[in-house]
Amino acid sequence: MRSGETHSRLKPYHDPDVDTVVNGIMNGDRHMLSRAITLIESLKPEHERKAHEILDRCITKKTSSLRIGITGAPGAGKSTFIEALGELIINQGLTLAVLAIDPSSRQSKGSILGDKARMEKLAARKEAFIRPTASSGYLGGTSPKTHEAIVLCEAAGYDVILVETVGVGQSEVLVDTMVDFILLLMLPGSGDELQGIKRGIMEIADAVAITKTDGDQSGIAAISRAEFEAALRMLPVKHPVWKREVFLTSALTGKGIKDVWENISEFFTAMRKENILETRRRKQLNSLLYTVLEEMLKKEFFSHPDVIASKESIERQVLSTEISPFSGAKKLIEAFIPRR
């Protein structure tokens, strides 16, 4: 077969319109959901306009989905834990979306995006949708468009949405503006690291699960549990109606996974009973408003012709110490918004 013949038989690329994408998402079409998430992550202006139309339509769909953030120390086995928890959730007749955030290299801007491969069993389930996303150097432990992806997954009808963050750090607290319940995963023997764990991540945790507590780790895990329980008692109460617990778990044996899920379910029952969940969701929408606004302003600023024209000169002046970075920043602002 000649190359021309091969080309002529290829199916032409079709870019679906907004109606097609939205209807597909609403009907649970995973392919259209993936296309929409790709659009919201794109930096192309034409994709951004289309993505905003899709989000405007999707956000009107009211759902009762459970938003859960899972964070933890590197090596705590977040992906393995999520797979075990996800299997349990699906076996209870629920559908599950997993937004797995992978760290991006600041040098190459690349990301391994290996979570889908690590969650092999879960990825094979038709009830599960797994979307690995690069953090793109974003400091929130999530990706720049995680909140928007959550909105799309809810419109697609997923009962439970799990957001796996990059790892423990002060910046991880941003996930608290997107989800309702946060589970902190720690390793046995990590009680000694409590001083190194930023207070913020402990304060936003709604429960702690100590992972890999099977075999020889059981004794150390029991000590770690007591240490984390003591640490949680010293922190301010996050929700007046909720007492945070520490669980011993093993994704390999299934130990404690059911207990964690029951705890999460009890949390949502308590939050709904006190109308806390609805109030929290409104705050999250408000947070998203200003996050998007800041992003738009930043984009407008750096694409402004006067900023582009003066940027290089001002950078040179700063680097040669002719002016301070503070004065340089002020000059760029004045290029963007001239004094009247």
C-alpha atoms as a PDB file:
ATOM      1  CA  MET A   1       0.000   0.000   0.000  1.00  0.00           C
ATOM      2  CA  ARG A   2       1.341   3.389  -1.009  1.00  0.00           C
ATOM      3  CA  SER A   3       1.759   6.118   1.606  1.00  0.00           C
ATOM      4  CA  GLY A   4      -0.886   8.259  -0.101  1.00  0.00           C
ATOM      5  CA  GLU A   5      -3.416   5.437   0.168  1.00  0.00           C
ATOM      6  CA  THR A   6      -2.629   4.968   3.847  1.00  0.00           C
ATOM      7  CA  HIS A   7      -3.168   8.673   4.504  1.00  0.00           C
ATOM      8  CA  SER A   8      -6.482   8.724   2.625  1.00  0.00           C
ATOM      9  CA  ARG A   9      -7.866   5.900   4.740  1.00  0.00           C
ATOM     10  CA  LEU A  10      -7.011   7.547   8.050  1.00  0.00           C
ATOM     11  CA  LYS A  11     -10.066   8.780   9.957  1.00  0.00           C
ATOM     12  CA  PRO A  12     -10.054  12.606   9.864  1.00  0.00           C
ATOM     13  CA  TYR A  13      -9.553  14.381  13.191  1.00  0.00           C
ATOM     14  CA  HIS A  14     -12.833  15.639  14.580  1.00  0.00           C
ATOM     15  CA  ASP A  15     -12.935  18.364  17.201  1.00  0.00           C
ATOM     16  CA  PRO A  16     -16.368  18.063  18.878  1.00  0.00           C
ATOM     17  CA  ASP A  17     -18.334  21.232  19.605  1.00  0.00           C
ATOM     18  CA  VAL A  18     -19.339  22.381  23.104  1.00  0.00           C
ATOM     19  CA  ASP A  19     -22.807  20.765  22.942  1.00  0.00           C
ATOM     20  CA  THR A  20     -21.324  17.404  21.972  1.00  0.00           C
ATOM     21  CA  VAL A  21     -18.738  17.524  24.768  1.00  0.00           C
ATOM     22  CA  VAL A  22     -21.224  18.648  27.437  1.00  0.00           C
ATOM     23  CA  ASN A  23     -23.858  16.081  26.426  1.00  0.00           C
ATOM     24  CA  GLY A  24     -21.182  13.402  26.417  1.00  0.00           C
ATOM     25  CA  ILE A  25     -20.002  14.358  29.911  1.00  0.00           C
ATOM     26  CA  MET A  26     -23.566  14.457  31.263  1.00  0.00           C
ATOM     27  CA  ASN A  27     -24.159  10.980  29.832  1.00  0.00           C
ATOM     28  CA  GLY A  28     -21.024   9.575  31.457  1.00  0.00           C
ATOM     29  CA  ASP A  29     -18.884   9.400  28.307  1.00  0.00           C
ATOM     30  CA  ARG A  30     -15.348   8.981  29.700  1.00  0.00           C
ATOM     31  CA  HIS A  31     -13.764   9.907  26.363  1.00  0.00           C
ATOM     32  CA  MET A  32     -15.574  13.270  26.325  1.00  0.00           C
ATOM     33  CA  LEU A  33     -14.658  13.829  29.979  1.00  0.00           C
ATOM     34  CA  SER A  34     -10.993  13.257  29.124  1.00  0.00           C
ATOM     35  CA  ARG A  35     -11.257  15.622  26.151  1.00  0.00           C
ATOM     36  CA  ALA A  36     -12.779  18.313  28.365  1.00  0.00           C
ATOM     37  CA  ILE A  37     -10.053  17.992  31.012  1.00  0.00           C
ATOM     38  CA  THR A  38      -7.426  18.250  28.279  1.00  0.00           C
ATOM     39  CA  LEU A  39      -9.117  21.450  27.081  1.00  0.00           C
ATOM     40  CA  ILE A  40      -9.119  23.068  30.532  1.00  0.00           C
ATOM     41  CA  GLU A  41      -5.434  22.190  30.957  1.00  0.00           C
ATOM     42  CA  SER A  42      -4.485  23.674  27.578  1.00  0.00           C
ATOM     43  CA  LEU A  43      -2.780  27.068  27.394  1.00  0.00           C
ATOM     44  CA  LYS A  44      -4.167  27.860  23.927  1.00  0.00           C
ATOM     45  CA  PRO A  45      -6.616  30.810  23.956  1.00  0.00           C
ATOM     46  CA  GLU A  46      -9.109  29.026  21.666  1.00  0.00           C
ATOM     47  CA  HIS A  47      -9.107  26.000  23.998  1.00  0.00           C
ATOM     48  CA  GLU A  48      -9.558  28.255  27.029  1.00  0.00           C
ATOM     49  CA  ARG A  49     -12.681  29.870  25.555  1.00  0.00           C
ATOM     50  CA  LYS A  50     -14.188  26.486  24.753  1.00  0.00           C
ATOM     51  CA  ALA A  51     -13.250  25.115  28.181  1.00  0.00           C
ATOM     52  CA  HIS A  52     -14.978  28.025  29.928  1.00  0.00           C
ATOM     53  CA  GLU A  53     -18.174  27.381  27.947  1.00  0.00           C
ATOM     54  CA  ILE A  54     -18.075  23.718  28.952  1.00  0.00           C
ATOM     55  CA  LEU A  55     -17.443  24.560  32.613  1.00  0.00           C
ATOM     56  CA  ASP A  56     -20.270  27.130  32.647  1.00  0.00           C
ATOM     57  CA  ARG A  57     -22.665  24.424  31.469  1.00  0.00           C
ATOM     58  CA  CYS A  58     -21.329  21.643  33.682  1.00  0.00           C
ATOM     59  CA  ILE A  59     -21.182  23.579  36.953  1.00  0.00           C
ATOM     60  CA  THR A  60     -24.970  24.014  36.906  1.00  0.00           C
ATOM     61  CA  LYS A  61     -25.468  20.277  37.434  1.00  0.00           C
ATOM     62  CA  LYS A  62     -26.150  19.691  41.121  1.00  0.00           C
ATOM     63  CA  THR A  63     -24.586  16.528  42.526  1.00  0.00           C
ATOM     64  CA  SER A  64     -24.099  14.892  45.907  1.00  0.00           C
ATOM     65  CA  SER A  65     -20.608  13.595  45.151  1.00  0.00           C
ATOM     66  CA  LEU A  66     -18.054  13.036  47.894  1.00  0.00           C
ATOM     67  CA  ARG A  67     -14.828  15.004  47.374  1.00  0.00           C
ATOM     68  CA  ILE A  68     -11.887  13.388  49.162  1.00  0.00           C
ATOM     69  CA  GLY A  69      -8.274  14.536  49.199  1.00  0.00           C
ATOM     70  CA  ILE A  70      -5.527  12.033  49.929  1.00  0.00           C
ATOM     71  CA  THR A  71      -2.087  13.316  50.799  1.00  0.00           C
ATOM     72  CA  GLY A  72       0.905  11.864  52.597  1.00  0.00           C
ATOM     73  CA  ALA A  73       4.603  11.498  52.966  1.00  0.00           C
ATOM     74  CA  PRO A  74       6.615  10.222  49.973  1.00  0.00           C
ATOM     75  CA  GLY A  75       6.704   6.439  50.100  1.00  0.00           C
ATOM     76  CA  ALA A  76       3.510   6.174  52.168  1.00  0.00           C
ATOM     77  CA  GLY A  77       1.914   4.225  49.334  1.00  0.00           C
ATOM     78  CA  LYS A  78      -0.780   6.672  48.252  1.00  0.00           C
ATOM     79  CA  SER A  79      -1.486   4.983  44.907  1.00  0.00           C
ATOM     80  CA  THR A  80      -1.623   1.495  46.450  1.00  0.00           C
ATOM     81  CA  PHE A  81      -3.894   2.737  49.221  1.00  0.00           C
ATOM     82  CA  ILE A  82      -6.189   4.491  46.714  1.00  0.00           C
ATOM     83  CA  GLU A  83      -6.457   1.301  44.661  1.00  0.00           C
ATOM     84  CA  ALA A  84      -7.506  -0.715  47.742  1.00  0.00           C
ATOM     85  CA  LEU A  85      -9.947   1.985  48.874  1.00  0.00           C
ATOM     86  CA  GLY A  86     -11.253   2.430  45.330  1.00  0.00           C
ATOM     87  CA  GLU A  87     -11.999  -1.292  44.968  1.00  0.00           C
ATOM     88  CA  LEU A  88     -13.988  -1.164  48.209  1.00  0.00           C
ATOM     89  CA  ILE A  89     -15.924   1.918  47.062  1.00  0.00           C
ATOM     90  CA  ILE A  90     -16.815   0.357  43.696  1.00  0.00           C
ATOM     91  CA  ASN A  91     -17.824  -2.939  45.315  1.00  0.00           C
ATOM     92  CA  GLN A  92     -20.396  -0.949  47.278  1.00  0.00           C
ATOM     93  CA  GLY A  93     -22.073   0.071  44.022  1.00  0.00           C
ATOM     94  CA  LEU A  94     -20.530   3.530  43.697  1.00  0.00           C
ATOM     95  CA  THR A  95     -18.628   5.090  40.798  1.00  0.00           C
ATOM     96  CA  LEU A  96     -15.201   6.640  41.324  1.00  0.00           C
ATOM     97  CA  ALA A  97     -13.043   9.305  39.699  1.00  0.00           C
ATOM     98  CA  VAL A  98      -9.378   9.604  40.702  1.00  0.00           C
ATOM     99  CA  LEU A  99      -7.427  12.769  39.905  1.00  0.00           C
ATOM    100  CA  ALA A 100      -3.832  11.743  40.532  1.00  0.00           C
ATOM    101  CA  ILE A 101      -1.352  14.607  40.592  1.00  0.00           C
ATOM    102  CA  ASP A 102       2.241  13.790  39.623  1.00  0.00           C
ATOM    103  CA  PRO A 103       5.155  16.123  40.410  1.00  0.00           C
ATOM    104  CA  SER A 104       6.650  17.972  37.448  1.00  0.00           C
ATOM    105  CA  SER A 105      10.328  18.644  37.019  1.00  0.00           C
ATOM    106  CA  ARG A 106      11.125  22.363  37.308  1.00  0.00           C
ATOM    107  CA  GLN A 107      13.951  21.861  34.812  1.00  0.00           C
ATOM    108  CA  SER A 108      12.300  19.762  32.090  1.00  0.00           C
ATOM    109  CA  LYS A 109       8.666  20.559  33.037  1.00  0.00           C
ATOM    110  CA  GLY A 110       8.051  16.838  32.520  1.00  0.00           C
ATOM    111  CA  SER A 111       6.123  14.410  34.686  1.00  0.00           C
ATOM    112  CA  ILE A 112       6.177  10.639  35.008  1.00  0.00           C
ATOM    113  CA  LEU A 113       2.361  10.320  35.165  1.00  0.00           C
ATOM    114  CA  GLY A 114       2.702   6.769  36.441  1.00  0.00           C
ATOM    115  CA  ASP A 115      -0.295   6.600  38.784  1.00  0.00           C
ATOM    116  CA  LYS A 116      -2.603   5.002  36.229  1.00  0.00           C
ATOM    117  CA  ALA A 117      -0.039   2.245  35.686  1.00  0.00           C
ATOM    118  CA  ARG A 118       0.337   1.750  39.454  1.00  0.00           C
ATOM    119  CA  MET A 119      -3.451   1.469  39.865  1.00  0.00           C
ATOM    120  CA  GLU A 120      -3.685  -1.345  37.335  1.00  0.00           C
ATOM    121  CA  LYS A 121      -6.664  -3.162  38.889  1.00  0.00           C
ATOM    122  CA  LEU A 122      -8.630   0.010  39.465  1.00  0.00           C
ATOM    123  CA  ALA A 123      -7.922   1.269  35.941  1.00  0.00           C
ATOM    124  CA  ALA A 124      -9.505  -1.911  34.558  1.00  0.00           C
ATOM    125  CA  ARG A 125     -12.833  -1.236  36.306  1.00  0.00           C
ATOM    126  CA  LYS A 126     -15.496   0.381  34.137  1.00  0.00           C
ATOM    127  CA  GLU A 127     -16.841   2.187  37.234  1.00  0.00           C
ATOM    128  CA  ALA A 128     -13.534   4.018  37.708  1.00  0.00           C
ATOM    129  CA  PHE A 129     -12.084   6.984  35.848  1.00  0.00           C
ATOM    130  CA  ILE A 130      -8.410   7.693  36.536  1.00  0.00           C
ATOM    131  CA  ARG A 131      -6.805  10.875  35.293  1.00  0.00           C
ATOM    132  CA  PRO A 132      -3.082  11.414  35.973  1.00  0.00           C
ATOM    133  CA  THR A 133      -2.173  15.095  35.740  1.00  0.00           C
ATOM    134  CA  ALA A 134       1.150  16.905  35.934  1.00  0.00           C
ATOM    135  CA  SER A 135       1.451  19.477  38.707  1.00  0.00           C
ATOM    136  CA  SER A 136       3.255  21.774  36.216  1.00  0.00           C
ATOM    137  CA  GLY A 137       5.307  23.185  39.079  1.00  0.00           C
ATOM    138  CA  TYR A 138       2.118  24.312  40.841  1.00  0.00           C
ATOM    139  CA  LEU A 139       2.803  24.776  44.551  1.00  0.00           C
ATOM    140  CA  GLY A 140      -0.578  23.644  45.856  1.00  0.00           C
ATOM    141  CA  GLY A 141       0.130  19.915  45.785  1.00  0.00           C
ATOM    142  CA  THR A 142      -2.466  19.737  43.011  1.00  0.00           C
ATOM    143  CA  SER A 143      -2.396  20.929  39.391  1.00  0.00           C
ATOM    144  CA  PRO A 144      -3.477  24.404  38.189  1.00  0.00           C
ATOM    145  CA  LYS A 145      -6.818  22.992  36.968  1.00  0.00           C
ATOM    146  CA  THR A 146      -7.678  20.376  39.606  1.00  0.00           C
ATOM    147  CA  HIS A 147     -10.745  22.222  40.876  1.00  0.00           C
ATOM    148  CA  GLU A 148     -12.137  22.563  37.351  1.00  0.00           C
ATOM    149  CA  ALA A 149     -11.501  18.844  36.736  1.00  0.00           C
ATOM    150  CA  ILE A 150     -13.503  18.056  39.889  1.00  0.00           C
ATOM    151  CA  VAL A 151     -16.436  20.079  38.483  1.00  0.00           C
ATOM    152  CA  LEU A 152     -16.321  18.055  35.249  1.00  0.00           C
ATOM    153  CA  CYS A 153     -16.141  14.720  37.091  1.00  0.00           C
ATOM    154  CA  GLU A 154     -19.177  15.699  39.148  1.00  0.00           C
ATOM    155  CA  ALA A 155     -21.090  16.626  35.980  1.00  0.00           C
ATOM    156  CA  ALA A 156     -20.190  13.171  34.623  1.00  0.00           C
ATOM    157  CA  GLY A 157     -22.012  11.687  37.615  1.00  0.00           C
ATOM    158  CA  TYR A 158     -19.178  10.153  39.636  1.00  0.00           C
ATOM    159  CA  ASP A 159     -20.258   9.416  43.206  1.00  0.00           C
ATOM    160  CA  VAL A 160     -16.797   9.721  44.755  1.00  0.00           C
ATOM    161  CA  ILE A 161     -13.909  11.908  43.596  1.00  0.00           C
ATOM    162  CA  LEU A 162     -10.464  11.221  45.044  1.00  0.00           C
ATOM    163  CA  VAL A 163      -7.708  13.797  44.613  1.00  0.00           C
ATOM    164  CA  GLU A 164      -4.227  12.397  45.230  1.00  0.00           C
ATOM    165  CA  THR A 165      -1.833  15.257  45.946  1.00  0.00           C
ATOM    166  CA  VAL A 166       1.893  15.339  45.224  1.00  0.00           C
ATOM    167  CA  GLY A 167       3.042  14.912  48.836  1.00  0.00           C
ATOM    168  CA  VAL A 168       3.251  16.437  52.280  1.00  0.00           C
ATOM    169  CA  GLY A 169       4.233  20.087  52.452  1.00  0.00           C
ATOM    170  CA  GLN A 170       2.903  23.431  53.566  1.00  0.00           C
ATOM    171  CA  SER A 171       1.548  24.096  50.083  1.00  0.00           C
ATOM    172  CA  GLU A 172      -0.638  20.976  50.308  1.00  0.00           C
ATOM    173  CA  VAL A 173      -3.183  22.966  52.287  1.00  0.00           C
ATOM    174  CA  LEU A 174      -4.572  24.329  49.005  1.00  0.00           C
ATOM    175  CA  VAL A 175      -6.382  21.026  48.444  1.00  0.00           C
ATOM    176  CA  ASP A 176      -8.592  21.963  51.405  1.00  0.00           C
ATOM    177  CA  THR A 177     -10.236  24.600  49.193  1.00  0.00           C
ATOM    178  CA  MET A 178     -11.342  21.892  46.722  1.00  0.00           C
ATOM    179  CA  VAL A 179     -12.375  18.810  48.706  1.00  0.00           C
ATOM    180  CA  ASP A 180     -14.525  18.043  51.741  1.00  0.00           C
ATOM    181  CA  PHE A 181     -12.515  15.354  53.535  1.00  0.00           C
ATOM    182  CA  ILE A 182      -8.728  15.078  53.746  1.00  0.00           C
ATOM    183  CA  LEU A 183      -6.977  11.841  54.643  1.00  0.00           C
ATOM    184  CA  LEU A 184      -3.315  12.081  55.640  1.00  0.00           C
ATOM    185  CA  LEU A 185      -1.257   8.919  55.023  1.00  0.00           C
ATOM    186  CA  MET A 186       1.852   8.309  57.126  1.00  0.00           C
ATOM    187  CA  LEU A 187       4.328   5.450  57.493  1.00  0.00           C
ATOM    188  CA  PRO A 188       4.933   3.455  60.705  1.00  0.00           C
ATOM    189  CA  GLY A 189       7.683   5.036  62.767  1.00  0.00           C
ATOM    190  CA  SER A 190       7.021   8.464  61.289  1.00  0.00           C
ATOM    191  CA  GLY A 191       6.086   9.880  64.682  1.00  0.00           C
ATOM    192  CA  ASP A 192       9.657  11.142  64.984  1.00  0.00           C
ATOM    193  CA  GLU A 193       9.001  13.208  61.849  1.00  0.00           C
ATOM    194  CA  LEU A 194       6.088  15.093  63.418  1.00  0.00           C
ATOM    195  CA  GLN A 195       8.312  18.130  63.971  1.00  0.00           C
ATOM    196  CA  GLY A 196       9.226  18.101  60.300  1.00  0.00           C
ATOM    197  CA  ILE A 197       5.616  17.927  59.147  1.00  0.00           C
ATOM    198  CA  LYS A 198       4.182  21.363  58.587  1.00  0.00           C
ATOM    199  CA  ARG A 199       1.463  22.226  61.077  1.00  0.00           C
ATOM    200  CA  GLY A 200      -0.863  23.286  58.252  1.00  0.00           C
ATOM    201  CA  ILE A 201      -1.197  19.811  56.750  1.00  0.00           C
ATOM    202  CA  MET A 202      -1.992  18.312  60.172  1.00  0.00           C
ATOM    203  CA  GLU A 203      -4.602  20.991  60.847  1.00  0.00           C
ATOM    204  CA  ILE A 204      -6.524  20.320  57.636  1.00  0.00           C
ATOM    205  CA  ALA A 205      -6.481  16.510  58.015  1.00  0.00           C
ATOM    206  CA  ASP A 206      -9.864  14.990  58.901  1.00  0.00           C
ATOM    207  CA  ALA A 207      -8.287  11.593  59.618  1.00  0.00           C
ATOM    208  CA  VAL A 208      -4.849   9.979  59.597  1.00  0.00           C
ATOM    209  CA  ALA A 209      -4.130   6.510  58.219  1.00  0.00           C
ATOM    210  CA  ILE A 210      -0.828   4.837  59.047  1.00  0.00           C
ATOM    211  CA  THR A 211      -0.018   2.623  56.073  1.00  0.00           C
ATOM    212  CA  LYS A 212       1.990  -0.600  55.631  1.00  0.00           C
ATOM    213  CA  THR A 213       1.242  -1.776  59.190  1.00  0.00           C
ATOM    214  CA  ASP A 214       1.338  -5.485  58.299  1.00  0.00           C
ATOM    215  CA  GLY A 215       4.046  -7.922  59.423  1.00  0.00           C
ATOM    216  CA  ASP A 216       6.929  -6.642  61.526  1.00  0.00           C
ATOM    217  CA  GLN A 217       5.654  -3.066  61.384  1.00  0.00           C
ATOM    218  CA  SER A 218       2.681  -3.673  63.716  1.00  0.00           C
ATOM    219  CA  GLY A 219       4.518  -2.777  66.951  1.00  0.00           C
ATOM    220  CA  ILE A 220       6.051   0.406  65.561  1.00  0.00           C
ATOM    221  CA  ALA A 221       2.697   1.316  63.995  1.00  0.00           C
ATOM    222  CA  ALA A 222       0.924   1.157  67.364  1.00  0.00           C
ATOM    223  CA  ILE A 223       3.426   3.638  68.825  1.00  0.00           C
ATOM    224  CA  SER A 224       3.029   5.927  65.802  1.00  0.00           C
ATOM    225  CA  ARG A 225      -0.739   5.816  66.218  1.00  0.00           C
ATOM    226  CA  ALA A 226      -0.483   7.024  69.818  1.00  0.00           C
ATOM    227  CA  GLU A 227       1.887   9.819  68.778  1.00  0.00           C
ATOM    228  CA  PHE A 228      -0.415  11.058  66.020  1.00  0.00           C
ATOM    229  CA  GLU A 229      -3.462  10.886  68.286  1.00  0.00           C
ATOM    230  CA  ALA A 230      -1.606  13.051  70.812  1.00  0.00           C
ATOM    231  CA  ALA A 231      -0.565  15.493  68.071  1.00  0.00           C
ATOM    232  CA  LEU A 232      -4.147  15.839  66.792  1.00  0.00           C
ATOM    233  CA  ARG A 233      -5.405  16.591  70.309  1.00  0.00           C
ATOM    234  CA  MET A 234      -3.058  19.575  70.512  1.00  0.00           C
ATOM    235  CA  LEU A 235      -4.322  21.105  67.270  1.00  0.00           C
ATOM    236  CA  PRO A 236      -7.338  23.409  66.927  1.00  0.00           C
ATOM    237  CA  VAL A 237     -10.623  21.662  66.133  1.00  0.00           C
ATOM    238  CA  LYS A 238     -11.331  21.768  62.396  1.00  0.00           C
ATOM    239  CA  HIS A 239     -15.047  20.936  62.601  1.00  0.00           C
ATOM    240  CA  PRO A 240     -16.904  21.177  65.944  1.00  0.00           C
ATOM    241  CA  VAL A 241     -19.013  18.126  65.069  1.00  0.00           C
ATOM    242  CA  TRP A 242     -16.076  15.903  64.094  1.00  0.00           C
ATOM    243  CA  LYS A 243     -13.420  14.060  66.091  1.00  0.00           C
ATOM    244  CA  ARG A 244     -10.364  13.110  64.048  1.00  0.00           C
ATOM    245  CA  GLU A 245      -9.150   9.523  64.293  1.00  0.00           C
ATOM    246  CA  VAL A 246      -5.968   7.621  63.438  1.00  0.00           C
ATOM    247  CA  PHE A 247      -6.214   4.255  61.657  1.00  0.00           C
ATOM    248  CA  LEU A 248      -3.774   1.390  61.162  1.00  0.00           C
ATOM    249  CA  THR A 249      -4.007   0.136  57.586  1.00  0.00           C
ATOM    250  CA  SER A 250      -2.457  -2.181  55.022  1.00  0.00           C
ATOM    251  CA  ALA A 251      -3.397  -1.977  51.363  1.00  0.00           C
ATOM    252  CA  LEU A 252      -1.881  -5.442  50.808  1.00  0.00           C
ATOM    253  CA  THR A 253      -3.991  -7.272  53.401  1.00  0.00           C
ATOM    254  CA  GLY A 254      -6.948  -4.882  53.412  1.00  0.00           C
ATOM    255  CA  LYS A 255      -6.459  -4.132  57.103  1.00  0.00           C
ATOM    256  CA  GLY A 256      -8.237  -0.968  58.192  1.00  0.00           C
ATOM    257  CA  ILE A 257      -9.421   0.029  54.687  1.00  0.00           C
ATOM    258  CA  LYS A 258     -13.072  -0.632  55.538  1.00  0.00           C
ATOM    259  CA  ASP A 259     -12.700   1.294  58.806  1.00  0.00           C
ATOM    260  CA  VAL A 260     -11.335   4.308  56.924  1.00  0.00           C
ATOM    261  CA  TRP A 261     -14.219   4.243  54.432  1.00  0.00           C
ATOM    262  CA  GLU A 262     -16.797   3.959  57.238  1.00  0.00           C
ATOM    263  CA  ASN A 263     -15.151   6.927  58.928  1.00  0.00           C
ATOM    264  CA  ILE A 264     -15.352   8.957  55.714  1.00  0.00           C
ATOM    265  CA  SER A 265     -19.019   8.014  55.264  1.00  0.00           C
ATOM    266  CA  GLU A 266     -19.795   9.034  58.873  1.00  0.00           C
ATOM    267  CA  PHE A 267     -18.044  12.357  58.258  1.00  0.00           C
ATOM    268  CA  PHE A 268     -20.275  13.204  55.287  1.00  0.00           C
ATOM    269  CA  THR A 269     -23.401  12.181  57.203  1.00  0.00           C
ATOM    270  CA  ALA A 270     -22.418  14.503  60.071  1.00  0.00           C
ATOM    271  CA  MET A 271     -21.507  17.383  57.752  1.00  0.00           C
ATOM    272  CA  ARG A 272     -24.792  17.159  55.835  1.00  0.00           C
ATOM    273  CA  LYS A 273     -26.835  16.919  59.024  1.00  0.00           C
ATOM    274  CA  GLU A 274     -25.349  20.228  60.242  1.00  0.00           C
ATOM    275  CA  ASN A 275     -25.508  21.857  56.766  1.00  0.00           C
ATOM    276  CA  ILE A 276     -21.743  22.363  56.964  1.00  0.00           C
ATOM    277  CA  LEU A 277     -21.134  20.717  53.598  1.00  0.00           C
ATOM    278  CA  GLU A 278     -23.298  23.173  51.663  1.00  0.00           C
ATOM    279  CA  THR A 279     -21.613  26.151  53.341  1.00  0.00           C
ATOM    280  CA  ARG A 280     -18.199  24.660  52.598  1.00  0.00           C
ATOM    281  CA  ARG A 281     -19.031  24.181  48.923  1.00  0.00           C
ATOM    282  CA  ARG A 282     -20.040  27.846  48.620  1.00  0.00           C
ATOM    283  CA  LYS A 283     -16.701  28.870  50.140  1.00  0.00           C
ATOM    284  CA  GLN A 284     -14.920  26.610  47.665  1.00  0.00           C
ATOM    285  CA  LEU A 285     -16.694  28.296  44.743  1.00  0.00           C
ATOM    286  CA  ASN A 286     -15.664  31.681  46.106  1.00  0.00           C
ATOM    287  CA  SER A 287     -12.063  30.473  46.389  1.00  0.00           C
ATOM    288  CA  LEU A 288     -12.180  29.184  42.809  1.00  0.00           C
ATOM    289  CA  LEU A 289     -13.487  32.571  41.624  1.00  0.00           C
ATOM    290  CA  TYR A 290     -10.428  34.391  42.948  1.00  0.00           C
ATOM    291  CA  THR A 291      -7.989  31.655  41.921  1.00  0.00           C
ATOM    292  CA  VAL A 292      -9.222  31.926  38.322  1.00  0.00           C
ATOM    293  CA  LEU A 293      -9.221  35.728  38.556  1.00  0.00           C
ATOM    294  CA  GLU A 294      -5.576  35.800  39.688  1.00  0.00           C
ATOM    295  CA  GLU A 295      -4.633  33.430  36.875  1.00  0.00           C
ATOM    296  CA  MET A 296      -6.406  35.599  34.293  1.00  0.00           C
ATOM    297  CA  LEU A 297      -4.827  38.795  35.591  1.00  0.00           C
ATOM    298  CA  LYS A 298      -1.373  37.211  35.496  1.00  0.00           C
ATOM    299  CA  LYS A 299      -1.924  36.087  31.905  1.00  0.00           C
ATOM    300  CA  GLU A 300      -3.225  39.526  30.878  1.00  0.00           C
ATOM    301  CA  PHE A 301      -0.272  41.209  32.570  1.00  0.00           C
ATOM    302  CA  PHE A 302       2.475  39.177  30.898  1.00  0.00           C
ATOM    303  CA  SER A 303       0.803  39.329  27.460  1.00  0.00           C
ATOM    304  CA  HIS A 304       0.351  43.122  27.590  1.00  0.00           C
ATOM    305  CA  PRO A 305       2.422  44.732  24.757  1.00  0.00           C
ATOM    306  CA  ASP A 306       3.838  47.497  26.985  1.00  0.00           C
ATOM    307  CA  VAL A 307       4.916  44.966  29.613  1.00  0.00           C
ATOM    308  CA  ILE A 308       6.556  42.810  26.947  1.00  0.00           C
ATOM    309  CA  ALA A 309       8.324  45.883  25.487  1.00  0.00           C
ATOM    310  CA  SER A 310       9.768  47.073  28.819  1.00  0.00           C
ATOM    311  CA  LYS A 311      10.350  43.724  30.532  1.00  0.00           C
ATOM    312  CA  GLU A 312      13.825  42.994  29.143  1.00  0.00           C
ATOM    313  CA  SER A 313      15.148  46.487  29.893  1.00  0.00           C
ATOM    314  CA  ILE A 314      13.807  46.439  33.455  1.00  0.00           C
ATOM    315  CA  GLU A 315      15.268  42.968  34.039  1.00  0.00           C
ATOM    316  CA  ARG A 316      18.695  44.262  32.943  1.00  0.00           C
ATOM    317  CA  GLN A 317      18.442  47.215  35.317  1.00  0.00           C
ATOM    318  CA  VAL A 318      17.531  44.917  38.207  1.00  0.00           C
ATOM    319  CA  LEU A 319      20.347  42.460  37.440  1.00  0.00           C
ATOM    320  CA  SER A 320      22.891  45.292  37.206  1.00  0.00           C
ATOM    321  CA  THR A 321      21.508  46.692  40.512  1.00  0.00           C
ATOM    322  CA  GLU A 322      20.641  50.028  38.848  1.00  0.00           C
ATOM    323  CA  ILE A 323      17.218  49.607  40.412  1.00  0.00           C
ATOM    324  CA  SER A 324      15.873  47.247  43.067  1.00  0.00           C
ATOM    325  CA  PRO A 325      13.487  44.360  42.258  1.00  0.00           C
ATOM    326  CA  PHE A 326      10.804  46.352  44.108  1.00  0.00           C
ATOM    327  CA  SER A 327      11.217  49.361  41.829  1.00  0.00           C
ATOM    328  CA  GLY A 328      11.419  47.058  38.812  1.00  0.00           C
ATOM    329  CA  ALA A 329       8.127  45.434  39.728  1.00  0.00           C
ATOM    330  CA  LYS A 330       6.542  48.855  40.177  1.00  0.00           C
ATOM    331  CA  LYS A 331       7.759  49.945  36.720  1.00  0.00           C
ATOM    332  CA  LEU A 332       6.206  46.832  35.146  1.00  0.00           C
ATOM    333  CA  ILE A 333       2.906  47.527  36.903  1.00  0.00           C
ATOM    334  CA  GLU A 334       3.013  51.101  35.591  1.00  0.00           C
ATOM    335  CA  ALA A 335       3.611  49.756  32.082  1.00  0.00           C
ATOM    336  CA  PHE A 336       0.495  47.621  32.525  1.00  0.00           C
ATOM    337  CA  ILE A 337      -1.606  50.336  34.185  1.00  0.00           C
ATOM    338  CA  PRO A 338      -0.169  53.746  33.265  1.00  0.00           C
ATOM    339  CA  ARG A 339      -0.493  56.539  35.830  1.00  0.00           C
ATOM    340  CA  ARG A 340      -3.177  59.087  35.028  1.00  0.00           C
END
